[in-house]
Amino acid sequence: MRLVHNQIAIKLYLPIIANRCIMAAVHTRREPLAESLGRKDSSRACLYTLVITFELKSYTTMDVEVAAAICLCAVSYYNFLNIYYKKTILKPWRKRRWWMITMHRSRNRSTMENQFAELVAEPSGQFNNFTRMSLSDFEYLLQKVSPMISKTNTLKREAIPAKIRLAITLRFLASGDNFESLHYLFKVSGSIISRIVPEVCIALNQVLKDQIRIPEDPQSWLQIEKGFRKFPRCIGAIDGKHIVIQSPMLSGSEYYNYKKSFSIVLLALVDSNYNFIFAEIGSQGRISDGGVFRSSQLWQRICSNNLNFPMPRPLPGGRREVPYVFLGDGAFALTAHVMKPYPGSHNEWTPKRIFNKKLSSSRVVVENAFGILASRFRIFRKPILLNPEKTTIIAMTCVLLHNFLRKSRTSSAIYAPSGTVDVYDSNNELVTPGLWRNEIEDTCAIRPLQQIPRRPAQDACQIREEFTTYFFNNQRQ
């Protein structure tokens, strides 16, 4: 009975084992079968004898012990081939990377601290230009983000100090240099910088998140209205910009915009002091510009009536109650809470022309805010070579830093010196263009939304007509 089982096992498994052995012997050495059969190797001869025996169908009459011995020999040789040729086959040579290049080997905490101290001690104020802020504000931010970005030293090398990590990030935002260029300045590899910048930006966003806050009560909205003296009932200027990025991998046309480039959208609301009071970043460039606004949190809160606007009131000398409004351009739809210019050209001193000039001179604050942002943070000077997620984080960091520096007593003049913004006269005519207009180029990564004509609702048209009548009757104001 045992002999019968052994014969069945031999019939089932010997052909499989022999086939694997011969394939290993042939393909592992990458030799033709005929050349392999010509070798006088005893082990190979044993294998080939086994195969020939199977091919002659003689295993049915073969002695069980002989067959078992041949099977054991085949298995042993098969294992030998696997182990031997895994060790002897040469792997393709590849160029080894440096653990640390020579110019970085002299880097340690003291050298980086000394380099930073030299920059701070420079009497010409180069540190202010380097970081776009005063030393006191830099130290304040460092104190806030240091627990979030500090790393532990290891036995192999010291960690990059939090001060240098913050300086690298601020210089990246201010200069727009790529990571490889910055590594020559800080003696930190480009791959490390590519990890430092997003980490520090996330920490800055967490620390400065309160710099952008929508008013929560009517009194706060009325305080904003006081800044728009030329346009009553105005509580902010709204605009959106495409931030051009490189084509994301496997995204198709999802981020492809009307300018034939890839982008994400920055939607913002600005007060009269060029500060952002609302910012939303991340919508795909393919979404229509009206769709960006209607899918934003700001529009959702307007529709749900939970922004706590002041109650509508008539304009001076008027009878119809007028709601508080935002000022937009042709890219936005005319609604009860968003005013836009009349389309087309109009003759001088006509009601529509006067309304358009009033609106344009009042909403110029949002254009100046974006202009300051793009001119001071030169990361926006050209398409950003990062994925949409990192670009969103970095863009929000720039917006938060903009508000932080605009409100700072020590950094406001450094960030936006005198003459940076446009100056208008009493007739709403541009007198002095802002300095930022000389620095913004056609290749800038911040580009306007597309203006699409839309048919407004009847109540929105009536509200705009009320403003038009008021401005026409008070032309000298």
Protein backbone atom coordinates (compact mmCIF):
# COMPACT_ATOMS: atom_id res chain seq x y z
CA MET A 1 0.00 0.00 0.00
CA ARG A 2 2.86 2.39 0.90
CA LEU A 3 4.57 1.55 -2.38
CA VAL A 4 1.44 2.51 -4.31
CA HIS A 5 1.26 5.93 -2.57
CA ASN A 6 4.95 6.59 -3.30
CA GLN A 7 4.43 5.73 -6.95
CA ILE A 8 1.45 8.11 -7.16
CA ALA A 9 3.46 10.90 -5.52
CA ILE A 10 6.35 10.35 -7.90
CA LYS A 11 4.01 10.45 -10.90
CA LEU A 12 2.46 13.75 -9.71
CA TYR A 13 5.45 15.75 -8.45
CA LEU A 14 8.50 14.56 -10.37
CA PRO A 15 7.46 16.18 -13.67
CA ILE A 16 6.79 19.51 -11.89
CA ILE A 17 10.11 19.47 -10.00
CA ALA A 18 12.05 18.47 -13.08
CA ASN A 19 10.47 21.22 -15.13
CA ARG A 20 11.35 23.85 -12.50
CA CYS A 21 14.89 22.59 -12.25
CA ILE A 22 15.54 22.65 -15.96
CA MET A 23 13.97 26.13 -16.29
CA ALA A 24 16.14 27.40 -13.46
CA ALA A 25 19.24 25.87 -15.01
CA VAL A 26 18.55 27.36 -18.42
CA HIS A 27 17.01 30.78 -17.72
CA THR A 28 19.12 31.68 -14.70
CA ARG A 29 22.27 31.39 -16.80
CA ARG A 30 20.54 32.90 -19.86
CA GLU A 31 21.86 30.04 -22.03
CA PRO A 32 20.25 28.18 -24.94
CA LEU A 33 19.02 24.70 -24.06
CA ALA A 34 21.28 22.99 -26.58
CA GLU A 35 24.36 24.71 -25.13
CA SER A 36 23.31 23.75 -21.63
CA LEU A 37 22.86 20.11 -22.64
CA GLY A 38 26.35 20.07 -24.07
CA ARG A 39 28.02 20.69 -20.72
CA LYS A 40 29.59 17.73 -18.88
CA ASP A 41 28.38 18.74 -15.47
CA SER A 42 27.36 15.69 -13.44
CA SER A 43 24.51 17.45 -11.66
CA ARG A 44 23.10 18.74 -14.91
CA ALA A 45 23.44 15.27 -16.40
CA CYS A 46 21.38 13.97 -13.53
CA LEU A 47 18.66 16.51 -14.22
CA TYR A 48 18.59 15.92 -17.94
CA THR A 49 18.55 12.16 -17.41
CA LEU A 50 15.53 12.66 -15.20
CA VAL A 51 13.73 14.71 -17.83
CA ILE A 52 14.53 12.26 -20.60
CA THR A 53 13.25 9.47 -18.40
CA PHE A 54 9.92 11.29 -17.99
CA GLU A 55 9.69 11.97 -21.67
CA LEU A 56 10.07 8.22 -22.39
CA LYS A 57 7.22 7.56 -19.99
CA SER A 58 9.37 5.03 -18.13
CA TYR A 59 8.64 6.33 -14.63
CA THR A 60 5.77 3.82 -14.33
CA THR A 61 8.21 0.89 -14.21
CA MET A 62 11.02 2.71 -12.36
CA ASP A 63 12.02 1.48 -8.96
CA VAL A 64 10.58 3.69 -6.23
CA GLU A 65 13.86 4.14 -4.34
CA VAL A 66 15.72 5.10 -7.51
CA ALA A 67 13.01 7.57 -8.43
CA ALA A 68 13.06 9.05 -4.92
CA ALA A 69 16.84 9.45 -5.09
CA ILE A 70 16.58 11.21 -8.42
CA CYS A 71 13.82 13.44 -7.03
CA LEU A 72 15.96 14.34 -4.01
CA CYS A 73 18.89 15.13 -6.26
CA ALA A 74 16.70 17.35 -8.43
CA VAL A 75 15.31 19.28 -5.46
CA SER A 76 18.79 19.78 -3.99
CA TYR A 77 20.18 21.03 -7.26
CA TYR A 78 17.20 23.32 -7.77
CA ASN A 79 17.81 24.93 -4.37
CA PHE A 80 21.53 25.18 -5.10
CA LEU A 81 20.86 27.04 -8.33
CA ASN A 82 18.55 29.52 -6.62
CA ILE A 83 21.03 30.34 -3.87
CA TYR A 84 24.17 30.31 -6.02
CA TYR A 85 23.00 32.47 -8.87
CA LYS A 86 21.32 35.02 -6.62
CA LYS A 87 24.77 35.68 -5.20
CA THR A 88 26.77 35.57 -8.42
CA ILE A 89 24.55 37.49 -10.87
CA LEU A 90 25.87 41.04 -11.08
CA LYS A 91 23.34 43.80 -10.56
CA PRO A 92 23.48 46.80 -12.90
CA TRP A 93 25.79 49.47 -11.49
CA ARG A 94 24.19 52.72 -10.44
CA LYS A 95 25.78 55.94 -9.37
CA ARG A 96 25.84 56.28 -5.60
CA ARG A 97 24.43 59.42 -4.01
CA TRP A 98 26.31 61.45 -1.45
CA TRP A 99 25.13 61.25 2.12
CA MET A 100 26.11 64.93 2.36
CA ILE A 101 27.92 66.96 -0.27
CA THR A 102 31.22 68.58 0.64
CA MET A 103 29.93 72.14 0.93
CA HIS A 104 27.35 71.00 3.50
CA ARG A 105 29.76 69.06 5.72
CA SER A 106 30.94 72.21 7.47
CA ARG A 107 27.34 73.05 8.40
CA ASN A 108 26.45 72.93 12.05
CA ARG A 109 24.32 74.91 14.45
CA SER A 110 27.03 77.48 15.17
CA THR A 111 27.79 78.24 11.51
CA MET A 112 24.10 78.72 10.69
CA GLU A 113 23.60 80.90 13.75
CA ASN A 114 26.63 83.01 12.77
CA GLN A 115 25.35 83.42 9.23
CA PHE A 116 21.98 84.58 10.54
CA ALA A 117 23.62 86.93 13.08
CA GLU A 118 25.61 88.60 10.29
CA LEU A 119 22.41 89.27 8.38
CA VAL A 120 20.73 90.76 11.45
CA ALA A 121 23.73 92.93 12.28
CA GLU A 122 23.92 94.45 8.78
CA PRO A 123 23.29 98.20 9.32
CA SER A 124 21.78 98.77 5.86
CA GLY A 125 18.58 96.97 6.82
CA GLN A 126 19.12 93.96 4.57
CA PHE A 127 17.31 91.72 7.05
CA ASN A 128 14.08 93.65 6.46
CA ASN A 129 14.34 93.09 2.72
CA PHE A 130 15.38 89.49 3.24
CA THR A 131 12.29 88.53 5.26
CA ARG A 132 9.88 91.42 4.41
CA MET A 133 9.51 92.18 8.13
CA SER A 134 11.24 93.65 11.15
CA LEU A 135 13.41 91.62 13.48
CA SER A 136 10.89 92.00 16.32
CA ASP A 137 8.10 90.49 14.21
CA PHE A 138 10.42 87.71 13.09
CA GLU A 139 11.21 86.88 16.71
CA TYR A 140 7.50 86.95 17.54
CA LEU A 141 6.67 84.47 14.78
CA LEU A 142 9.64 82.31 15.75
CA GLN A 143 8.42 82.12 19.34
CA LYS A 144 4.97 81.01 18.15
CA VAL A 145 5.99 78.39 15.57
CA SER A 146 9.17 77.07 17.18
CA PRO A 147 7.41 74.28 19.17
CA MET A 148 5.75 73.07 15.95
CA ILE A 149 8.77 73.03 13.65
CA SER A 150 11.71 72.14 15.93
CA LYS A 151 13.37 68.76 15.34
CA THR A 152 15.45 66.53 17.63
CA ASN A 153 19.20 66.15 17.13
CA THR A 154 20.49 62.68 16.20
CA LEU A 155 23.83 60.93 16.70
CA LYS A 156 24.71 61.41 13.03
CA ARG A 157 24.04 65.13 12.71
CA GLU A 158 22.38 68.11 14.36
CA ALA A 159 18.88 69.19 13.37
CA ILE A 160 18.35 72.41 11.44
CA PRO A 161 17.36 75.10 14.01
CA ALA A 162 13.82 76.46 13.99
CA LYS A 163 15.20 79.96 13.31
CA ILE A 164 16.82 78.79 10.07
CA ARG A 165 13.70 76.85 9.07
CA LEU A 166 11.59 79.97 9.43
CA ALA A 167 14.17 82.09 7.57
CA ILE A 168 14.26 79.59 4.69
CA THR A 169 10.48 79.68 4.36
CA LEU A 170 10.20 83.46 4.50
CA ARG A 171 12.98 83.84 1.94
CA PHE A 172 11.29 81.33 -0.35
CA LEU A 173 8.04 83.31 -0.20
CA ALA A 174 9.75 86.69 -0.56
CA SER A 175 12.15 85.82 -3.38
CA GLY A 176 10.35 83.11 -5.32
CA ASP A 177 13.65 81.24 -5.75
CA ASN A 178 13.45 77.51 -6.29
CA PHE A 179 14.63 75.03 -3.69
CA GLU A 180 17.91 74.30 -5.47
CA SER A 181 18.85 77.99 -5.48
CA LEU A 182 18.14 78.35 -1.77
CA HIS A 183 20.35 75.42 -0.85
CA TYR A 184 23.46 77.37 -1.90
CA LEU A 185 22.48 80.19 0.46
CA PHE A 186 21.55 78.14 3.53
CA LYS A 187 23.70 75.03 2.92
CA VAL A 188 20.61 72.85 3.20
CA SER A 189 19.76 70.38 0.45
CA GLY A 190 16.88 71.09 -1.90
CA SER A 191 15.04 67.94 -0.83
CA ILE A 192 15.15 69.04 2.81
CA ILE A 193 13.95 72.53 1.88
CA SER A 194 11.03 70.99 -0.03
CA ARG A 195 9.90 69.44 3.26
CA ILE A 196 10.71 72.43 5.46
CA VAL A 197 8.64 74.98 3.52
CA PRO A 198 5.24 73.18 3.72
CA GLU A 199 5.79 72.28 7.39
CA VAL A 200 6.58 75.86 8.38
CA CYS A 201 3.72 77.23 6.27
CA ILE A 202 1.26 74.92 8.03
CA ALA A 203 2.58 76.14 11.38
CA LEU A 204 2.27 79.79 10.30
CA ASN A 205 -1.28 79.19 9.12
CA GLN A 206 -2.14 77.76 12.50
CA VAL A 207 -0.55 80.66 14.39
CA LEU A 208 -1.94 83.46 12.17
CA LYS A 209 -5.39 82.03 11.46
CA ASP A 210 -7.08 84.84 13.42
CA GLN A 211 -5.60 87.47 11.09
CA ILE A 212 -8.51 86.83 8.68
CA ARG A 213 -11.91 87.00 10.30
CA ILE A 214 -15.31 87.96 8.89
CA PRO A 215 -17.18 90.44 11.12
CA GLU A 216 -19.67 88.68 13.35
CA ASP A 217 -21.99 91.54 14.31
CA PRO A 218 -23.57 94.59 12.63
CA GLN A 219 -21.31 97.03 14.48
CA SER A 220 -18.20 95.46 12.98
CA TRP A 221 -19.69 95.73 9.47
CA LEU A 222 -20.54 99.38 10.08
CA GLN A 223 -16.95 99.99 11.13
CA ILE A 224 -15.80 98.68 7.74
CA GLU A 225 -18.37 100.87 5.96
CA LYS A 226 -16.72 103.99 7.39
CA GLY A 227 -13.63 103.30 5.30
CA PHE A 228 -15.59 103.43 2.01
CA ARG A 229 -16.54 107.10 2.18
CA LYS A 230 -17.18 107.43 -1.56
CA PHE A 231 -19.63 104.52 -1.69
CA PRO A 232 -22.24 104.36 1.10
CA ARG A 233 -23.52 100.96 2.25
CA CYS A 234 -20.32 99.34 0.96
CA ILE A 235 -18.82 96.81 3.38
CA GLY A 236 -16.04 95.34 1.27
CA ALA A 237 -14.59 94.81 -2.21
CA ILE A 238 -14.56 91.30 -3.63
CA ASP A 239 -12.36 89.81 -6.32
CA GLY A 240 -10.85 86.53 -7.41
CA LYS A 241 -7.56 85.57 -9.03
CA HIS A 242 -6.19 82.52 -10.78
CA ILE A 243 -2.93 81.31 -9.20
CA VAL A 244 -1.03 79.62 -12.02
CA ILE A 245 0.60 76.28 -11.19
CA GLN A 246 2.34 73.55 -13.12
CA SER A 247 0.16 70.86 -14.63
CA PRO A 248 -0.77 68.42 -11.82
CA MET A 249 -0.12 64.77 -12.53
CA LEU A 250 -3.08 62.73 -13.79
CA SER A 251 -5.43 65.72 -13.44
CA GLY A 252 -6.53 65.99 -17.07
CA SER A 253 -8.35 69.27 -17.64
CA GLU A 254 -9.54 69.66 -14.05
CA TYR A 255 -7.27 72.66 -13.38
CA TYR A 256 -7.20 73.98 -16.97
CA ASN A 257 -8.60 77.53 -17.17
CA TYR A 258 -9.75 79.92 -19.88
CA LYS A 259 -6.22 81.40 -20.13
CA LYS A 260 -4.97 78.02 -21.33
CA SER A 261 -2.96 77.43 -18.18
CA PHE A 262 -3.40 75.38 -15.01
CA SER A 263 -4.50 77.17 -11.87
CA ILE A 264 -6.32 77.24 -8.57
CA VAL A 265 -8.55 80.18 -7.60
CA LEU A 266 -8.09 82.66 -4.76
CA LEU A 267 -11.36 84.38 -3.81
CA ALA A 268 -11.01 87.28 -1.37
CA LEU A 269 -12.93 90.08 0.33
CA VAL A 270 -10.95 93.21 1.25
CA ASP A 271 -11.67 96.22 3.48
CA SER A 272 -10.64 99.84 2.85
CA ASN A 273 -7.25 99.31 4.56
CA TYR A 274 -6.16 96.67 2.01
CA ASN A 275 -6.63 93.88 4.56
CA PHE A 276 -8.25 90.57 3.68
CA ILE A 277 -11.37 89.86 5.74
CA PHE A 278 -12.19 86.67 3.85
CA ALA A 279 -10.05 84.36 1.69
CA GLU A 280 -10.79 80.99 0.15
CA ILE A 281 -8.22 79.13 -1.95
CA GLY A 282 -8.26 75.85 -3.82
CA SER A 283 -11.07 75.80 -6.39
CA GLN A 284 -9.99 74.18 -9.65
CA GLY A 285 -9.24 76.51 -12.53
CA ARG A 286 -11.75 74.80 -14.83
CA ILE A 287 -14.70 75.96 -12.68
CA SER A 288 -16.39 79.03 -14.11
CA ASP A 289 -15.66 82.21 -12.24
CA GLY A 290 -19.29 82.66 -11.26
CA GLY A 291 -19.31 79.07 -10.06
CA VAL A 292 -16.30 79.75 -7.82
CA PHE A 293 -18.19 82.46 -5.95
CA ARG A 294 -21.43 80.51 -5.73
CA SER A 295 -19.63 77.48 -4.33
CA SER A 296 -17.73 79.53 -1.73
CA GLN A 297 -18.49 79.68 1.97
CA LEU A 298 -19.08 83.42 1.67
CA TRP A 299 -21.94 82.97 -0.80
CA GLN A 300 -23.42 80.16 1.28
CA ARG A 301 -23.47 82.42 4.33
CA ILE A 302 -25.02 85.25 2.31
CA CYS A 303 -27.79 82.95 1.11
CA SER A 304 -28.40 81.58 4.61
CA ASN A 305 -28.49 85.15 5.97
CA ASN A 306 -26.12 84.43 8.86
CA LEU A 307 -23.49 87.12 8.20
CA ASN A 308 -25.33 89.49 10.55
CA PHE A 309 -25.40 92.39 8.10
CA PRO A 310 -26.83 95.67 9.39
CA MET A 311 -30.47 96.22 8.50
CA PRO A 312 -31.07 97.84 5.07
CA ARG A 313 -31.46 101.62 5.15
CA PRO A 314 -32.31 104.25 2.53
CA LEU A 315 -29.49 106.23 0.98
CA PRO A 316 -29.26 109.92 1.99
CA GLY A 317 -32.18 111.64 0.30
CA GLY A 318 -33.69 108.35 -0.90
CA ARG A 319 -36.81 106.42 0.03
CA ARG A 320 -36.06 102.85 -0.96
CA GLU A 321 -34.24 100.69 1.57
CA VAL A 322 -30.85 99.61 0.23
CA PRO A 323 -28.97 96.60 1.63
CA TYR A 324 -25.28 96.61 2.46
CA VAL A 325 -23.26 95.40 -0.51
CA PHE A 326 -19.89 94.16 -1.72
CA LEU A 327 -18.27 95.73 -4.78
CA GLY A 328 -17.24 93.40 -7.60
CA ASP A 329 -16.31 93.57 -11.27
CA GLY A 330 -17.66 91.97 -14.41
CA ALA A 331 -16.61 88.49 -13.31
CA PHE A 332 -19.36 88.43 -10.66
CA ALA A 333 -23.10 88.28 -11.08
CA LEU A 334 -25.18 91.28 -10.02
CA THR A 335 -27.12 90.36 -6.89
CA ALA A 336 -28.77 92.19 -4.01
CA HIS A 337 -25.49 92.06 -2.05
CA VAL A 338 -22.96 92.34 -4.91
CA MET A 339 -22.77 95.45 -7.09
CA LYS A 340 -20.93 95.42 -10.42
CA PRO A 341 -20.36 98.08 -13.14
CA TYR A 342 -22.70 98.63 -16.06
CA PRO A 343 -21.34 96.76 -19.08
CA GLY A 344 -20.14 98.61 -22.16
CA SER A 345 -18.89 102.18 -22.63
CA HIS A 346 -20.89 105.24 -21.62
CA ASN A 347 -20.63 108.95 -22.34
CA GLU A 348 -19.00 111.29 -19.85
CA TRP A 349 -21.24 112.63 -17.03
CA THR A 350 -24.02 110.16 -17.75
CA PRO A 351 -25.52 108.39 -14.69
CA LYS A 352 -24.08 105.01 -15.65
CA ARG A 353 -20.61 106.45 -16.26
CA ILE A 354 -20.65 108.21 -12.90
CA PHE A 355 -21.74 105.02 -11.14
CA ASN A 356 -19.00 103.00 -12.81
CA LYS A 357 -16.32 105.51 -11.82
CA LYS A 358 -17.53 105.58 -8.21
CA LEU A 359 -17.55 101.82 -8.02
CA SER A 360 -14.16 101.47 -9.72
CA SER A 361 -12.44 104.01 -7.46
CA SER A 362 -13.90 102.31 -4.37
CA ARG A 363 -13.14 98.72 -5.28
CA VAL A 364 -9.57 99.56 -6.29
CA VAL A 365 -8.61 98.54 -2.75
CA VAL A 366 -8.93 94.88 -3.67
CA GLU A 367 -6.77 95.35 -6.77
CA ASN A 368 -4.15 97.08 -4.63
CA ALA A 369 -4.30 94.31 -2.02
CA PHE A 370 -3.59 91.67 -4.66
CA GLY A 371 -0.93 93.91 -6.19
CA ILE A 372 0.89 94.30 -2.88
CA LEU A 373 0.62 90.57 -2.27
CA ALA A 374 2.15 89.67 -5.65
CA SER A 375 4.89 92.32 -5.53
CA ARG A 376 6.10 91.61 -2.00
CA PHE A 377 5.81 87.83 -2.12
CA ARG A 378 7.58 87.05 -5.35
CA ILE A 379 6.56 83.43 -5.22
CA PHE A 380 3.63 84.75 -7.29
CA ARG A 381 5.89 86.27 -9.97
CA LYS A 382 5.80 83.09 -12.05
CA PRO A 383 3.88 79.79 -12.16
CA ILE A 384 4.30 77.88 -8.93
CA LEU A 385 6.00 74.53 -9.51
CA LEU A 386 4.17 72.67 -6.75
CA ASN A 387 1.08 70.49 -6.55
CA PRO A 388 -2.32 72.12 -5.81
CA GLU A 389 -2.33 71.05 -2.15
CA LYS A 390 1.03 72.64 -1.33
CA THR A 391 0.22 75.70 -3.45
CA THR A 392 -2.98 76.21 -1.45
CA ILE A 393 -1.07 76.07 1.84
CA ILE A 394 1.63 78.48 0.63
CA ALA A 395 -0.86 80.96 -0.87
CA MET A 396 -2.85 81.07 2.38
CA THR A 397 0.37 81.69 4.30
CA CYS A 398 1.10 84.71 2.10
CA VAL A 399 -2.41 86.10 2.64
CA LEU A 400 -2.13 85.71 6.41
CA LEU A 401 1.33 87.26 6.47
CA HIS A 402 -0.02 90.15 4.38
CA ASN A 403 -2.58 91.01 7.07
CA PHE A 404 -0.08 90.43 9.87
CA LEU A 405 2.50 92.77 8.34
CA ARG A 406 -0.05 95.41 7.30
CA LYS A 407 -1.28 95.67 10.89
CA SER A 408 2.19 95.60 12.46
CA ARG A 409 3.59 98.90 13.74
CA THR A 410 7.18 97.88 13.02
CA SER A 411 6.71 96.08 9.69
CA SER A 412 3.93 97.99 7.95
CA ALA A 413 6.30 100.53 6.37
CA ILE A 414 8.76 97.77 5.45
CA TYR A 415 6.14 95.60 3.80
CA ALA A 416 4.22 98.36 1.97
CA PRO A 417 6.21 101.62 1.93
CA SER A 418 4.72 104.97 0.98
CA GLY A 419 3.55 105.11 -2.63
CA THR A 420 2.81 101.41 -2.90
CA VAL A 421 -0.95 101.86 -3.53
CA ASP A 422 -2.92 103.94 -6.04
CA VAL A 423 -3.96 107.51 -5.25
CA TYR A 424 -7.25 108.98 -6.59
CA ASP A 425 -8.44 112.59 -6.59
CA SER A 426 -11.85 113.94 -5.63
CA ASN A 427 -13.14 113.33 -9.19
CA ASN A 428 -12.32 109.62 -8.91
CA GLU A 429 -9.45 109.99 -11.38
CA LEU A 430 -6.20 108.08 -10.89
CA VAL A 431 -3.48 110.54 -9.91
CA THR A 432 -0.54 108.36 -8.90
CA PRO A 433 -0.34 104.66 -9.81
CA GLY A 434 0.89 102.39 -7.06
CA LEU A 435 4.49 101.18 -7.14
CA TRP A 436 3.28 97.59 -7.32
CA ARG A 437 2.04 98.21 -10.88
CA ASN A 438 5.65 98.67 -12.03
CA GLU A 439 6.68 95.33 -10.55
CA ILE A 440 3.89 93.10 -11.82
CA GLU A 441 4.69 91.45 -15.15
CA ASP A 442 2.61 89.58 -17.70
CA THR A 443 4.13 86.31 -16.46
CA CYS A 444 2.77 86.89 -12.95
CA ALA A 445 1.11 83.82 -11.44
CA ILE A 446 -1.88 85.89 -10.21
CA ARG A 447 -4.29 86.54 -13.08
CA PRO A 448 -7.82 88.00 -13.19
CA LEU A 449 -11.04 86.05 -13.46
CA GLN A 450 -12.90 85.88 -16.75
CA GLN A 451 -15.68 88.44 -17.20
CA ILE A 452 -18.86 86.79 -18.45
CA PRO A 453 -22.08 88.73 -19.14
CA ARG A 454 -25.03 87.52 -17.07
CA ARG A 455 -28.66 88.55 -16.79
CA PRO A 456 -29.21 89.95 -13.28
CA ALA A 457 -32.32 89.63 -11.16
CA GLN A 458 -34.87 92.45 -11.18
CA ASP A 459 -34.39 93.42 -7.53
CA ALA A 460 -30.60 93.63 -8.01
CA CYS A 461 -31.10 95.98 -10.97
CA GLN A 462 -33.37 98.19 -8.89
CA ILE A 463 -30.79 98.42 -6.12
CA ARG A 464 -28.10 99.41 -8.61
CA GLU A 465 -30.44 102.02 -10.10
CA GLU A 466 -30.93 103.46 -6.61
CA PHE A 467 -27.15 103.85 -6.22
CA THR A 468 -26.90 105.33 -9.72
CA THR A 469 -29.53 107.96 -8.97
CA TYR A 470 -27.86 108.85 -5.69
CA PHE A 471 -24.42 109.34 -7.26
CA PHE A 472 -25.84 111.34 -10.18
CA ASN A 473 -27.63 113.69 -7.80
CA ASN A 474 -24.51 114.10 -5.66
CA GLN A 475 -21.79 114.36 -8.30
CA ARG A 476 -19.65 116.80 -6.34
CA GLN A 477 -19.28 114.54 -3.32
